[in-house]
C-alpha atoms as a PDB file:
ATOM      1  CA  UNK A   1      90.093 131.394  51.066  1.00  0.00           C
ATOM      2  CA  UNK A   2      90.940 135.083  51.721  1.00  0.00           C
ATOM      3  CA  UNK A   3      93.770 135.733  54.138  1.00  0.00           C
ATOM      4  CA  UNK A   4      93.075 137.241  57.518  1.00  0.00           C
ATOM      5  CA  UNK A   5      93.254 140.985  57.713  1.00  0.00           C
ATOM      6  CA  UNK A   6      95.365 140.549  60.813  1.00  0.00           C
ATOM      7  CA  UNK A   7      99.106 140.598  60.316  1.00  0.00           C
ATOM      8  CA  UNK A   8     101.983 140.092  62.688  1.00  0.00           C
ATOM      9  CA  UNK A   9     104.432 142.944  62.631  1.00  0.00           C
ATOM     10  CA  UNK A  10     108.115 142.081  63.050  1.00  0.00           C
ATOM     11  CA  UNK A  11     109.515 143.164  66.374  1.00  0.00           C
ATOM     12  CA  UNK A  12     112.947 144.719  66.482  1.00  0.00           C
ATOM     13  CA  UNK A  13     115.044 143.206  69.255  1.00  0.00           C
ATOM     14  CA  UNK A  14     118.199 144.472  70.922  1.00  0.00           C
ATOM     15  CA  UNK A  15     120.838 141.833  71.551  1.00  0.00           C
ATOM     16  CA  UNK A  16     121.318 141.199  75.267  1.00  0.00           C
ATOM     17  CA  UNK A  17     124.888 141.694  76.495  1.00  0.00           C
ATOM     18  CA  UNK A  18     126.581 141.259  79.863  1.00  0.00           C
ATOM     19  CA  UNK A  19     129.293 143.224  81.635  1.00  0.00           C
ATOM     20  CA  UNK A  20     132.564 141.819  82.950  1.00  0.00           C
ATOM     21  CA  UNK A  21     131.211 141.980  86.492  1.00  0.00           C
ATOM     22  CA  UNK A  22     128.006 140.138  85.539  1.00  0.00           C
ATOM     23  CA  UNK A  23     129.940 137.346  83.798  1.00  0.00           C
ATOM     24  CA  UNK A  24     132.277 137.043  86.796  1.00  0.00           C
ATOM     25  CA  UNK A  25     129.288 136.647  89.150  1.00  0.00           C
ATOM     26  CA  UNK A  26     127.687 134.143  86.794  1.00  0.00           C
ATOM     27  CA  UNK A  27     130.732 131.864  86.809  1.00  0.00           C
ATOM     28  CA  UNK A  28     131.910 132.653  90.377  1.00  0.00           C
ATOM     29  CA  UNK A  29     135.317 133.867  89.211  1.00  0.00           C
ATOM     30  CA  UNK A  30     137.198 137.151  89.486  1.00  0.00           C
ATOM     31  CA  UNK A  31     136.722 139.969  87.005  1.00  0.00           C
ATOM     32  CA  UNK A  32     140.449 139.752  86.220  1.00  0.00           C
ATOM     33  CA  UNK A  33     139.932 136.145  85.033  1.00  0.00           C
ATOM     34  CA  UNK A  34     137.162 137.233  82.666  1.00  0.00           C
ATOM     35  CA  UNK A  35     139.352 140.035  81.320  1.00  0.00           C
ATOM     36  CA  UNK A  36     142.281 137.646  80.869  1.00  0.00           C
ATOM     37  CA  UNK A  37     140.123 135.187  78.881  1.00  0.00           C
ATOM     38  CA  UNK A  38     138.863 138.071  76.785  1.00  0.00           C
ATOM     39  CA  UNK A  39     142.352 139.431  76.122  1.00  0.00           C
ATOM     40  CA  UNK A  40     143.573 135.951  75.101  1.00  0.00           C
ATOM     41  CA  UNK A  41     140.745 135.604  72.569  1.00  0.00           C
ATOM     42  CA  UNK A  42     139.177 132.621  74.333  1.00  0.00           C
ATOM     43  CA  UNK A  43     136.100 134.659  75.277  1.00  0.00           C
ATOM     44  CA  UNK A  44     134.923 137.024  72.563  1.00  0.00           C
ATOM     45  CA  UNK A  45     133.713 140.460  73.549  1.00  0.00           C
ATOM     46  CA  UNK A  46     132.501 143.656  71.999  1.00  0.00           C
ATOM     47  CA  UNK A  47     133.528 147.104  73.137  1.00  0.00           C
ATOM     48  CA  UNK A  48     131.217 149.953  74.037  1.00  0.00           C
ATOM     49  CA  UNK A  49     132.009 153.470  72.768  1.00  0.00           C
ATOM     50  CA  UNK A  50     133.579 154.030  76.191  1.00  0.00           C
ATOM     51  CA  UNK A  51     135.855 150.999  75.786  1.00  0.00           C
ATOM     52  CA  UNK A  52     134.082 148.691  78.240  1.00  0.00           C
ATOM     53  CA  UNK A  53     133.790 144.989  77.499  1.00  0.00           C
ATOM     54  CA  UNK A  54     130.350 143.518  76.821  1.00  0.00           C
ATOM     55  CA  UNK A  55     129.669 139.821  76.230  1.00  0.00           C
ATOM     56  CA  UNK A  56     126.849 138.337  74.159  1.00  0.00           C
ATOM     57  CA  UNK A  57     124.988 135.160  75.061  1.00  0.00           C
ATOM     58  CA  UNK A  58     126.482 133.479  71.987  1.00  0.00           C
ATOM     59  CA  UNK A  59     129.991 134.347  73.156  1.00  0.00           C
ATOM     60  CA  UNK A  60     129.288 132.825  76.571  1.00  0.00           C
ATOM     61  CA  UNK A  61     127.924 129.651  74.988  1.00  0.00           C
ATOM     62  CA  UNK A  62     130.919 129.387  72.617  1.00  0.00           C
ATOM     63  CA  UNK A  63     133.265 129.732  75.587  1.00  0.00           C
ATOM     64  CA  UNK A  64     131.418 126.965  77.439  1.00  0.00           C
ATOM     65  CA  UNK A  65     131.538 124.692  74.398  1.00  0.00           C
ATOM     66  CA  UNK A  66     135.318 125.203  74.266  1.00  0.00           C
ATOM     67  CA  UNK A  67     135.712 123.913  77.805  1.00  0.00           C
ATOM     68  CA  UNK A  68     134.529 126.858  79.833  1.00  0.00           C
ATOM     69  CA  UNK A  69     135.913 127.995  83.134  1.00  0.00           C
ATOM     70  CA  UNK A  70     137.676 124.755  84.051  1.00  0.00           C
ATOM     71  CA  UNK A  71     139.734 124.543  80.892  1.00  0.00           C
ATOM     72  CA  UNK A  72     140.830 128.185  80.977  1.00  0.00           C
ATOM     73  CA  UNK A  73     141.301 128.625  84.723  1.00  0.00           C
ATOM     74  CA  UNK A  74     145.019 127.841  84.712  1.00  0.00           C
ATOM     75  CA  UNK A  75     144.897 124.982  87.223  1.00  0.00           C
ATOM     76  CA  UNK A  76     148.254 123.294  87.851  1.00  0.00           C
ATOM     77  CA  UNK A  77     149.098 119.752  86.830  1.00  0.00           C
ATOM     78  CA  UNK A  78     149.161 118.777  90.489  1.00  0.00           C
ATOM     79  CA  UNK A  79     145.556 119.850  90.951  1.00  0.00           C
ATOM     80  CA  UNK A  80     144.502 117.828  87.925  1.00  0.00           C
ATOM     81  CA  UNK A  81     146.484 114.764  88.985  1.00  0.00           C
ATOM     82  CA  UNK A  82     145.643 111.759  91.101  1.00  0.00           C
ATOM     83  CA  UNK A  83     143.300 113.552  93.501  1.00  0.00           C
ATOM     84  CA  UNK A  84     141.174 114.803  90.605  1.00  0.00           C
ATOM     85  CA  UNK A  85     141.154 111.325  89.090  1.00  0.00           C
ATOM     86  CA  UNK A  86     139.819 109.864  92.330  1.00  0.00           C
ATOM     87  CA  UNK A  87     137.220 112.622  92.610  1.00  0.00           C
ATOM     88  CA  UNK A  88     136.098 112.068  89.014  1.00  0.00           C
ATOM     89  CA  UNK A  89     135.752 108.324  89.646  1.00  0.00           C
ATOM     90  CA  UNK A  90     133.635 109.012  92.720  1.00  0.00           C
ATOM     91  CA  UNK A  91     131.406 111.388  90.774  1.00  0.00           C
ATOM     92  CA  UNK A  92     130.963 108.810  87.988  1.00  0.00           C
ATOM     93  CA  UNK A  93     130.112 106.071  90.484  1.00  0.00           C
ATOM     94  CA  UNK A  94     127.561 108.325  92.175  1.00  0.00           C
ATOM     95  CA  UNK A  95     125.966 109.089  88.810  1.00  0.00           C
ATOM     96  CA  UNK A  96     125.809 105.398  87.937  1.00  0.00           C
ATOM     97  CA  UNK A  97     124.013 104.713  91.216  1.00  0.00           C
ATOM     98  CA  UNK A  98     121.509 107.483  90.523  1.00  0.00           C
ATOM     99  CA  UNK A  99     120.833 106.089  87.040  1.00  0.00           C
ATOM    100  CA  UNK A 100     120.321 102.530  88.248  1.00  0.00           C
ATOM    101  CA  UNK A 101     118.018 103.655  91.077  1.00  0.00           C
ATOM    102  CA  UNK A 102     116.167 106.142  88.852  1.00  0.00           C
ATOM    103  CA  UNK A 103     116.988 108.715  91.531  1.00  0.00           C
ATOM    104  CA  UNK A 104     115.271 111.636  89.831  1.00  0.00           C
ATOM    105  CA  UNK A 105     116.160 114.125  92.556  1.00  0.00           C
ATOM    106  CA  UNK A 106     119.884 113.374  92.187  1.00  0.00           C
ATOM    107  CA  UNK A 107     119.695 113.604  88.394  1.00  0.00           C
ATOM    108  CA  UNK A 108     117.760 116.862  88.645  1.00  0.00           C
ATOM    109  CA  UNK A 109     120.432 118.330  90.913  1.00  0.00           C
ATOM    110  CA  UNK A 110     123.180 117.422  88.459  1.00  0.00           C
ATOM    111  CA  UNK A 111     121.300 118.777  85.476  1.00  0.00           C
ATOM    112  CA  UNK A 112     120.413 121.975  87.338  1.00  0.00           C
ATOM    113  CA  UNK A 113     124.100 122.689  87.978  1.00  0.00           C
ATOM    114  CA  UNK A 114     124.966 122.240  84.305  1.00  0.00           C
ATOM    115  CA  UNK A 115     121.966 124.228  83.074  1.00  0.00           C
ATOM    116  CA  UNK A 116     122.385 127.399  85.146  1.00  0.00           C
ATOM    117  CA  UNK A 117     126.133 127.424  84.422  1.00  0.00           C
ATOM    118  CA  UNK A 118     125.480 127.268  80.693  1.00  0.00           C
ATOM    119  CA  UNK A 119     127.462 124.025  80.545  1.00  0.00           C
ATOM    120  CA  UNK A 120     126.065 122.707  77.284  1.00  0.00           C
ATOM    121  CA  UNK A 121     128.549 119.856  77.028  1.00  0.00           C
ATOM    122  CA  UNK A 122     127.826 118.769  80.587  1.00  0.00           C
ATOM    123  CA  UNK A 123     124.060 118.858  80.042  1.00  0.00           C
ATOM    124  CA  UNK A 124     124.318 116.885  76.817  1.00  0.00           C
ATOM    125  CA  UNK A 125     126.690 114.341  78.388  1.00  0.00           C
ATOM    126  CA  UNK A 126     124.405 113.772  81.372  1.00  0.00           C
ATOM    127  CA  UNK A 127     121.304 113.125  79.263  1.00  0.00           C
ATOM    128  CA  UNK A 128     123.285 111.004  76.804  1.00  0.00           C
ATOM    129  CA  UNK A 129     124.590 108.800  79.616  1.00  0.00           C
ATOM    130  CA  UNK A 130     121.115 108.509  81.122  1.00  0.00           C
ATOM    131  CA  UNK A 131     119.624 107.522  77.764  1.00  0.00           C
ATOM    132  CA  UNK A 132     122.360 104.953  77.170  1.00  0.00           C
ATOM    133  CA  UNK A 133     121.626 103.498  80.607  1.00  0.00           C
ATOM    134  CA  UNK A 134     118.134 102.595  79.411  1.00  0.00           C
ATOM    135  CA  UNK A 135     116.023 105.518  80.626  1.00  0.00           C
ATOM    136  CA  UNK A 136     113.498 106.461  77.910  1.00  0.00           C
ATOM    137  CA  UNK A 137     113.869 109.963  76.524  1.00  0.00           C
ATOM    138  CA  UNK A 138     110.274 110.876  77.432  1.00  0.00           C
ATOM    139  CA  UNK A 139     110.999 109.888  81.042  1.00  0.00           C
ATOM    140  CA  UNK A 140     114.149 112.027  81.071  1.00  0.00           C
ATOM    141  CA  UNK A 141     112.234 115.010  79.757  1.00  0.00           C
ATOM    142  CA  UNK A 142     109.377 114.560  82.195  1.00  0.00           C
ATOM    143  CA  UNK A 143     111.299 113.637  85.354  1.00  0.00           C
ATOM    144  CA  UNK A 144     114.528 115.611  84.897  1.00  0.00           C
ATOM    145  CA  UNK A 145     114.219 118.475  82.407  1.00  0.00           C
ATOM    146  CA  UNK A 146     110.698 119.677  83.190  1.00  0.00           C
ATOM    147  CA  UNK A 147     111.110 119.861  87.000  1.00  0.00           C
ATOM    148  CA  UNK A 148     114.469 121.613  86.639  1.00  0.00           C
ATOM    149  CA  UNK A 149     113.073 124.189  84.223  1.00  0.00           C
ATOM    150  CA  UNK A 150     110.124 124.818  86.552  1.00  0.00           C
ATOM    151  CA  UNK A 151     112.538 125.300  89.457  1.00  0.00           C
ATOM    152  CA  UNK A 152     114.723 127.677  87.455  1.00  0.00           C
ATOM    153  CA  UNK A 153     111.669 129.699  86.429  1.00  0.00           C
ATOM    154  CA  UNK A 154     110.434 129.878  90.009  1.00  0.00           C
ATOM    155  CA  UNK A 155     113.831 130.879  91.368  1.00  0.00           C
ATOM    156  CA  UNK A 156     114.108 133.575  88.714  1.00  0.00           C
ATOM    157  CA  UNK A 157     110.682 134.945  89.679  1.00  0.00           C
ATOM    158  CA  UNK A 158     111.802 135.075  93.317  1.00  0.00           C
ATOM    159  CA  UNK A 159     114.954 136.968  92.359  1.00  0.00           C
ATOM    160  CA  UNK A 160     117.271 134.095  93.331  1.00  0.00           C
ATOM    161  CA  UNK A 161     118.589 133.641  89.786  1.00  0.00           C
ATOM    162  CA  UNK A 162     119.467 136.192  87.151  1.00  0.00           C
ATOM    163  CA  UNK A 163     117.877 136.270  83.733  1.00  0.00           C
ATOM    164  CA  UNK A 164     121.152 135.183  82.116  1.00  0.00           C
ATOM    165  CA  UNK A 165     121.060 131.946  84.105  1.00  0.00           C
ATOM    166  CA  UNK A 166     117.519 131.279  82.889  1.00  0.00           C
ATOM    167  CA  UNK A 167     118.633 132.003  79.317  1.00  0.00           C
ATOM    168  CA  UNK A 168     121.685 129.765  79.623  1.00  0.00           C
ATOM    169  CA  UNK A 169     119.530 126.943  81.020  1.00  0.00           C
ATOM    170  CA  UNK A 170     117.185 127.266  78.049  1.00  0.00           C
ATOM    171  CA  UNK A 171     120.075 127.089  75.582  1.00  0.00           C
ATOM    172  CA  UNK A 172     121.550 124.043  77.323  1.00  0.00           C
ATOM    173  CA  UNK A 173     118.186 122.286  77.336  1.00  0.00           C
ATOM    174  CA  UNK A 174     117.486 122.953  73.669  1.00  0.00           C
ATOM    175  CA  UNK A 175     120.932 121.677  72.712  1.00  0.00           C
ATOM    176  CA  UNK A 176     120.617 118.568  74.898  1.00  0.00           C
ATOM    177  CA  UNK A 177     117.155 117.602  73.683  1.00  0.00           C
ATOM    178  CA  UNK A 178     118.048 118.165  70.048  1.00  0.00           C
ATOM    179  CA  UNK A 179     121.138 115.976  70.507  1.00  0.00           C
ATOM    180  CA  UNK A 180     119.020 113.119  71.860  1.00  0.00           C
ATOM    181  CA  UNK A 181     116.269 113.671  69.307  1.00  0.00           C
ATOM    182  CA  UNK A 182     118.687 113.074  66.425  1.00  0.00           C
ATOM    183  CA  UNK A 183     119.543 109.637  67.832  1.00  0.00           C
ATOM    184  CA  UNK A 184     116.019 108.343  68.318  1.00  0.00           C
ATOM    185  CA  UNK A 185     114.475 105.861  65.885  1.00  0.00           C
ATOM    186  CA  UNK A 186     111.491 107.367  64.084  1.00  0.00           C
ATOM    187  CA  UNK A 187     108.270 105.625  63.239  1.00  0.00           C
ATOM    188  CA  UNK A 188     107.426 105.671  59.517  1.00  0.00           C
ATOM    189  CA  UNK A 189     105.411 108.700  58.420  1.00  0.00           C
ATOM    190  CA  UNK A 190     101.793 107.987  59.372  1.00  0.00           C
ATOM    191  CA  UNK A 191     100.224 110.460  56.924  1.00  0.00           C
ATOM    192  CA  UNK A 192      99.070 112.762  59.719  1.00  0.00           C
ATOM    193  CA  UNK A 193      99.745 116.423  60.350  1.00  0.00           C
ATOM    194  CA  UNK A 194      99.934 118.234  63.686  1.00  0.00           C
ATOM    195  CA  UNK A 195      99.925 121.992  64.213  1.00  0.00           C
ATOM    196  CA  UNK A 196     101.598 123.195  67.413  1.00  0.00           C
ATOM    197  CA  UNK A 197     102.211 126.534  69.060  1.00  0.00           C
ATOM    198  CA  UNK A 198     102.000 128.779  72.112  1.00  0.00           C
ATOM    199  CA  UNK A 199      99.345 131.512  72.361  1.00  0.00           C
ATOM    200  CA  UNK A 200     100.138 135.188  72.086  1.00  0.00           C
ATOM    201  CA  UNK A 201     102.156 136.512  75.011  1.00  0.00           C
ATOM    202  CA  UNK A 202     103.684 133.147  75.913  1.00  0.00           C
ATOM    203  CA  UNK A 203     107.409 133.047  75.103  1.00  0.00           C
ATOM    204  CA  UNK A 204     108.133 129.668  76.720  1.00  0.00           C
ATOM    205  CA  UNK A 205     109.218 127.617  73.730  1.00  0.00           C
ATOM    206  CA  UNK A 206     110.915 124.634  75.388  1.00  0.00           C
ATOM    207  CA  UNK A 207     107.715 122.816  76.387  1.00  0.00           C
ATOM    208  CA  UNK A 208     106.472 123.306  72.829  1.00  0.00           C
ATOM    209  CA  UNK A 209     109.783 121.995  71.502  1.00  0.00           C
ATOM    210  CA  UNK A 210     109.417 118.812  73.575  1.00  0.00           C
ATOM    211  CA  UNK A 211     105.879 118.216  72.282  1.00  0.00           C
ATOM    212  CA  UNK A 212     107.071 118.596  68.685  1.00  0.00           C
ATOM    213  CA  UNK A 213     109.817 116.035  69.274  1.00  0.00           C
ATOM    214  CA  UNK A 214     107.338 113.481  70.665  1.00  0.00           C
ATOM    215  CA  UNK A 215     105.146 113.868  67.594  1.00  0.00           C
ATOM    216  CA  UNK A 216     108.043 113.555  65.149  1.00  0.00           C
ATOM    217  CA  UNK A 217     109.300 110.350  66.769  1.00  0.00           C
ATOM    218  CA  UNK A 218     105.758 108.941  66.469  1.00  0.00           C
ATOM    219  CA  UNK A 219     105.759 109.520  62.696  1.00  0.00           C
ATOM    220  CA  UNK A 220     103.831 112.781  62.464  1.00  0.00           C
ATOM    221  CA  UNK A 221     104.583 115.697  60.204  1.00  0.00           C
ATOM    222  CA  UNK A 222     104.646 118.746  62.489  1.00  0.00           C
ATOM    223  CA  UNK A 223     104.194 122.436  61.732  1.00  0.00           C
ATOM    224  CA  UNK A 224     105.369 124.481  64.706  1.00  0.00           C
ATOM    225  CA  UNK A 225     104.037 128.017  64.846  1.00  0.00           C
ATOM    226  CA  UNK A 226     106.419 128.741  67.706  1.00  0.00           C
ATOM    227  CA  UNK A 227     105.842 130.840  70.813  1.00  0.00           C
ATOM    228  CA  UNK A 228     103.799 134.053  70.977  1.00  0.00           C
ATOM    229  CA  UNK A 229     101.345 133.139  68.205  1.00  0.00           C
ATOM    230  CA  UNK A 230      97.981 134.961  68.038  1.00  0.00           C
ATOM    231  CA  UNK A 231      94.948 132.695  67.974  1.00  0.00           C
ATOM    232  CA  UNK A 232      93.806 134.157  64.661  1.00  0.00           C
ATOM    233  CA  UNK A 233      97.068 132.822  63.207  1.00  0.00           C
ATOM    234  CA  UNK A 234      96.218 129.369  64.562  1.00  0.00           C
ATOM    235  CA  UNK A 235      92.840 129.741  62.817  1.00  0.00           C
ATOM    236  CA  UNK A 236      94.417 130.744  59.503  1.00  0.00           C
ATOM    237  CA  UNK A 237      96.875 127.839  59.709  1.00  0.00           C
ATOM    238  CA  UNK A 238      94.083 125.328  60.369  1.00  0.00           C
ATOM    239  CA  UNK A 239      92.223 126.596  57.301  1.00  0.00           C
ATOM    240  CA  UNK A 240      95.373 126.407  55.202  1.00  0.00           C
ATOM    241  CA  UNK A 241      96.737 123.012  56.298  1.00  0.00           C
ATOM    242  CA  UNK A 242      93.738 121.085  57.744  1.00  0.00           C
ATOM    243  CA  UNK A 243      95.724 119.236  60.443  1.00  0.00           C
ATOM    244  CA  UNK A 244      94.342 116.216  62.276  1.00  0.00           C
ATOM    245  CA  UNK A 245      95.670 117.569  65.571  1.00  0.00           C
ATOM    246  CA  UNK A 246      96.303 121.001  67.100  1.00  0.00           C
ATOM    247  CA  UNK A 247      98.493 121.212  70.218  1.00  0.00           C
ATOM    248  CA  UNK A 248      98.476 124.384  72.312  1.00  0.00           C
ATOM    249  CA  UNK A 249     101.177 124.695  74.960  1.00  0.00           C
ATOM    250  CA  UNK A 250     100.798 127.533  77.468  1.00  0.00           C
ATOM    251  CA  UNK A 251     102.826 128.426  80.524  1.00  0.00           C
ATOM    252  CA  UNK A 252     101.378 131.891  80.935  1.00  0.00           C
ATOM    253  CA  UNK A 253      98.572 133.768  79.178  1.00  0.00           C
ATOM    254  CA  UNK A 254      97.431 137.380  79.059  1.00  0.00           C
ATOM    255  CA  UNK A 255      94.269 139.270  78.136  1.00  0.00           C
ATOM    256  CA  UNK A 256      91.660 136.602  78.847  1.00  0.00           C
ATOM    257  CA  UNK A 257      88.859 138.569  77.195  1.00  0.00           C
ATOM    258  CA  UNK A 258      90.714 138.760  73.906  1.00  0.00           C
ATOM    259  CA  UNK A 259      91.545 135.068  74.134  1.00  0.00           C
ATOM    260  CA  UNK A 260      87.905 134.255  74.758  1.00  0.00           C
ATOM    261  CA  UNK A 261      86.846 136.201  71.672  1.00  0.00           C
ATOM    262  CA  UNK A 262      89.530 134.825  69.333  1.00  0.00           C
ATOM    263  CA  UNK A 263      89.365 131.243  70.594  1.00  0.00           C
ATOM    264  CA  UNK A 264      85.741 130.874  69.580  1.00  0.00           C
ATOM    265  CA  UNK A 265      86.619 131.424  65.921  1.00  0.00           C
ATOM    266  CA  UNK A 266      89.581 129.066  66.188  1.00  0.00           C
ATOM    267  CA  UNK A 267      87.505 126.349  67.840  1.00  0.00           C
ATOM    268  CA  UNK A 268      84.780 126.511  65.189  1.00  0.00           C
ATOM    269  CA  UNK A 269      87.382 126.323  62.415  1.00  0.00           C
ATOM    270  CA  UNK A 270      89.134 123.358  64.026  1.00  0.00           C
ATOM    271  CA  UNK A 271      85.835 121.517  64.313  1.00  0.00           C
ATOM    272  CA  UNK A 272      84.940 122.251  60.694  1.00  0.00           C
ATOM    273  CA  UNK A 273      88.224 120.672  59.597  1.00  0.00           C
ATOM    274  CA  UNK A 274      87.965 117.685  61.938  1.00  0.00           C
ATOM    275  CA  UNK A 275      91.009 118.583  64.062  1.00  0.00           C
ATOM    276  CA  UNK A 276      91.335 117.391  67.626  1.00  0.00           C
ATOM    277  CA  UNK A 277      92.620 119.954  70.138  1.00  0.00           C
ATOM    278  CA  UNK A 278      95.083 119.094  72.893  1.00  0.00           C
ATOM    279  CA  UNK A 279      96.167 121.594  75.523  1.00  0.00           C
ATOM    280  CA  UNK A 280      98.956 121.359  78.068  1.00  0.00           C
ATOM    281  CA  UNK A 281     101.038 123.532  80.342  1.00  0.00           C
ATOM    282  CA  UNK A 282     100.950 125.364  83.655  1.00  0.00           C
ATOM    283  CA  UNK A 283      98.541 128.036  82.416  1.00  0.00           C
ATOM    284  CA  UNK A 284      95.707 125.511  82.180  1.00  0.00           C
ATOM    285  CA  UNK A 285      95.782 124.834  85.905  1.00  0.00           C
ATOM    286  CA  UNK A 286      93.685 128.006  86.123  1.00  0.00           C
ATOM    287  CA  UNK A 287      90.005 127.040  85.605  1.00  0.00           C
ATOM    288  CA  UNK A 288      89.310 130.408  83.950  1.00  0.00           C
ATOM    289  CA  UNK A 289      91.904 129.727  81.287  1.00  0.00           C
ATOM    290  CA  UNK A 290      90.910 126.103  80.867  1.00  0.00           C
ATOM    291  CA  UNK A 291      87.272 127.077  80.339  1.00  0.00           C
ATOM    292  CA  UNK A 292      88.235 129.415  77.504  1.00  0.00           C
ATOM    293  CA  UNK A 293      90.329 126.794  75.702  1.00  0.00           C
ATOM    294  CA  UNK A 294      87.645 124.208  74.977  1.00  0.00           C
ATOM    295  CA  UNK A 295      89.538 121.065  74.047  1.00  0.00           C
ATOM    296  CA  UNK A 296      89.430 117.338  73.377  1.00  0.00           C
ATOM    297  CA  UNK A 297      92.212 116.446  75.793  1.00  0.00           C
ATOM    298  CA  UNK A 298      94.394 118.085  78.428  1.00  0.00           C
ATOM    299  CA  UNK A 299      97.774 116.377  78.670  1.00  0.00           C
ATOM    300  CA  UNK A 300      99.193 116.071  82.169  1.00  0.00           C
ATOM    301  CA  UNK A 301     102.717 115.633  80.815  1.00  0.00           C
ATOM    302  CA  UNK A 302     104.721 114.191  77.950  1.00  0.00           C
ATOM    303  CA  UNK A 303     104.134 110.558  78.901  1.00  0.00           C
ATOM    304  CA  UNK A 304     100.412 111.233  79.166  1.00  0.00           C
ATOM    305  CA  UNK A 305     100.487 113.007  75.797  1.00  0.00           C
ATOM    306  CA  UNK A 306     102.273 110.038  74.224  1.00  0.00           C
ATOM    307  CA  UNK A 307      99.655 107.638  75.615  1.00  0.00           C
ATOM    308  CA  UNK A 308      96.916 109.859  74.170  1.00  0.00           C
ATOM    309  CA  UNK A 309      98.544 109.868  70.725  1.00  0.00           C
ATOM    310  CA  UNK A 310      98.868 106.098  70.605  1.00  0.00           C
ATOM    311  CA  UNK A 311      95.327 105.585  71.885  1.00  0.00           C
ATOM    312  CA  UNK A 312      93.505 108.108  69.700  1.00  0.00           C
ATOM    313  CA  UNK A 313      95.689 107.819  66.587  1.00  0.00           C
ATOM    314  CA  UNK A 314      96.760 104.171  66.343  1.00  0.00           C
ATOM    315  CA  UNK A 315      99.290 103.196  63.730  1.00  0.00           C
ATOM    316  CA  UNK A 316      97.497 102.695  60.384  1.00  0.00           C
ATOM    317  CA  UNK A 317      97.236  99.084  59.308  1.00  0.00           C
ATOM    318  CA  UNK A 318      99.605  98.103  56.503  1.00  0.00           C
ATOM    319  CA  UNK A 319      97.851  96.627  53.481  1.00  0.00           C
ATOM    320  CA  UNK A 320      99.028  93.125  52.505  1.00  0.00           C
END
């Protein structure tokens, strides 16, 4: 089969950096504290030609992993003594109550605080404790992570959060979900292949990441095309791999006329190869978009998607 004449050109990206003042606002500390952490080597920085400090996202995450603001803030032993112990016990008891009651709002509030602060360890610890308390991972993703990420996105669009906070929240969420994913028991490989991706112009990879994890736990082999994938690339991949299932996750889409043109070719190819098509994401709330993406099933969420998988692709019978 000849390859498509369309090719995806690599895009050169400039690494995002943050000033001392921006980092200080992010963590609600003084600029002198940020400079002191930088001078001590705890918080790595790069210098501009003019000698100003700039901090990369990776440096901020590394600092958080090493204990972050609390560890390096120079608090006295008295502050971290009995009063802190009592406060920590109260916080733990409150969390236990929220877990027992499945108080999603309380858990969302706690995760939100960790996510926007870039507190990877805190985000991981919260989800780990929730999972160990008996809450299924799919429920945690659907009732805690997804609402928090939607809120963060909405607050960013309203100008109430900065882009770095949205980026930090994404990094925390990816780390937390990957941590849980490694602990989950996997069903034996079921011989099936799923192809997943986001359409061109959509850079929201976390929802796609969560879908891939659900499939892997259910015993599927998954090829993730990632975010920002042109529909003609979906078509080429279907021809090349002949998956049983194609999952398209979309939070936002652009250029509806181009999508309409390219989706027709993709849909015909998927049908020729016997692939079912599942769509999901905020973009499909728009009837115009939904009408373009003709599909077999629209998943309302991860739990709904899991039910669909188990209903439409039951576990193959084992020969005896």
